[in-house]
Amino acid sequence: MLVLEKITHRFRDNLALKNISGTADRGEVIAVIGENGSGKSTLLSVIATFIKPTSGKIYYNNIDVFQSTKNVNNYRRYITYASEKVKFVSELSLKDNLLYFKNLFNSKKDVFEISKQVGIYDLLNQKPNSLSKGQKQRLSLAVSLLKEAKIVLLDEPAEGLDVETKNVVKEIVKELKQDNCMVFYVTHDEDEIEEVCDKIITLKEGTLKFFGSVEEFWNIYEKFYVVTYEQSGRKITKVLNIESLKSLQEQSDIRILHIRNLGLREIINMSETDGVSTTRFNEG
């Protein structure tokens, strides 16, 4: 079990994280949601021990991680971090890069099997600089999977990428879950969250807005839709919850023109009362 206890991190004059607390268990996939600058990457960096929190503690299997250098080093053996910021050796082929990291991690895993798993097996003779963004993301995933990790940190591994790469990432997350790994997964894809995640962390300006199960999240933040419709020759756009949408669809003088799911970040940033989203209407 991983326990976050009042994690606060100050960067210069700004509080990047403010009293973040919660627990995660093995075999759980935790979605980390928030707009840019909300503290997502900072939180993952603290969990990875890349940075030490200004205050607060992390416990892994009841051991205070930051209590000593020995504890930090032991804990790091269980952590792997996948990010587009991974630096590859540009002079080496993908195969040799993977072999380099395998040796660095003292890993027994098969680089060829992992390259097949992430879909870069046919690219192993190429060099990193020749890859597309999606292919580099897959290489980054392959590097992270080389480590014998129990805690996997995925910092937007499929953001802005093609559907095929997103599906690769989703299948890898499912496999990690089956292997009883704990996965922190920065994503804003509602379908991915519904399909593979057990819990959700939502951050806003470094403050924890929610940390709980997916079901608990929807009980609080219910789903909303941006609906454009025509009534009496007038085009109107509103943000509606599901009950209001159903009521609108039942009205005979209404012609629905377009419906869009409100994104998770948009839902979180709607009007809030004690963290609970309320319906907001916009007329055009």
Foldseek 3Di string as FASTA:
>chain_A
DKWWAQFWADDVPAILAGGDTDDFFFLAEEEEDADPSQNPVVVVCCVLVVDPTPDTFMADPNRTQPPDPVSVVVQNLAEFEFDLPDDFDQVAFLQVRLVVLLVVQVFPDDLLVLCVLQVCNVRRRHGPVVDDSLVSLSSSVSSRVRGNHQEYEYACSQPPHDPVNVVSVLVVLQVSSVVRHYYYHHDQDPVSCVPRHFWYWYGGSNYTLDTHGPVVCCVQLPWWKWWWKDAPNFIWTWIGGPVVVVVQVPDPRIGTDDIGTDTPNRSQPADDDSSGHDGDTDTD
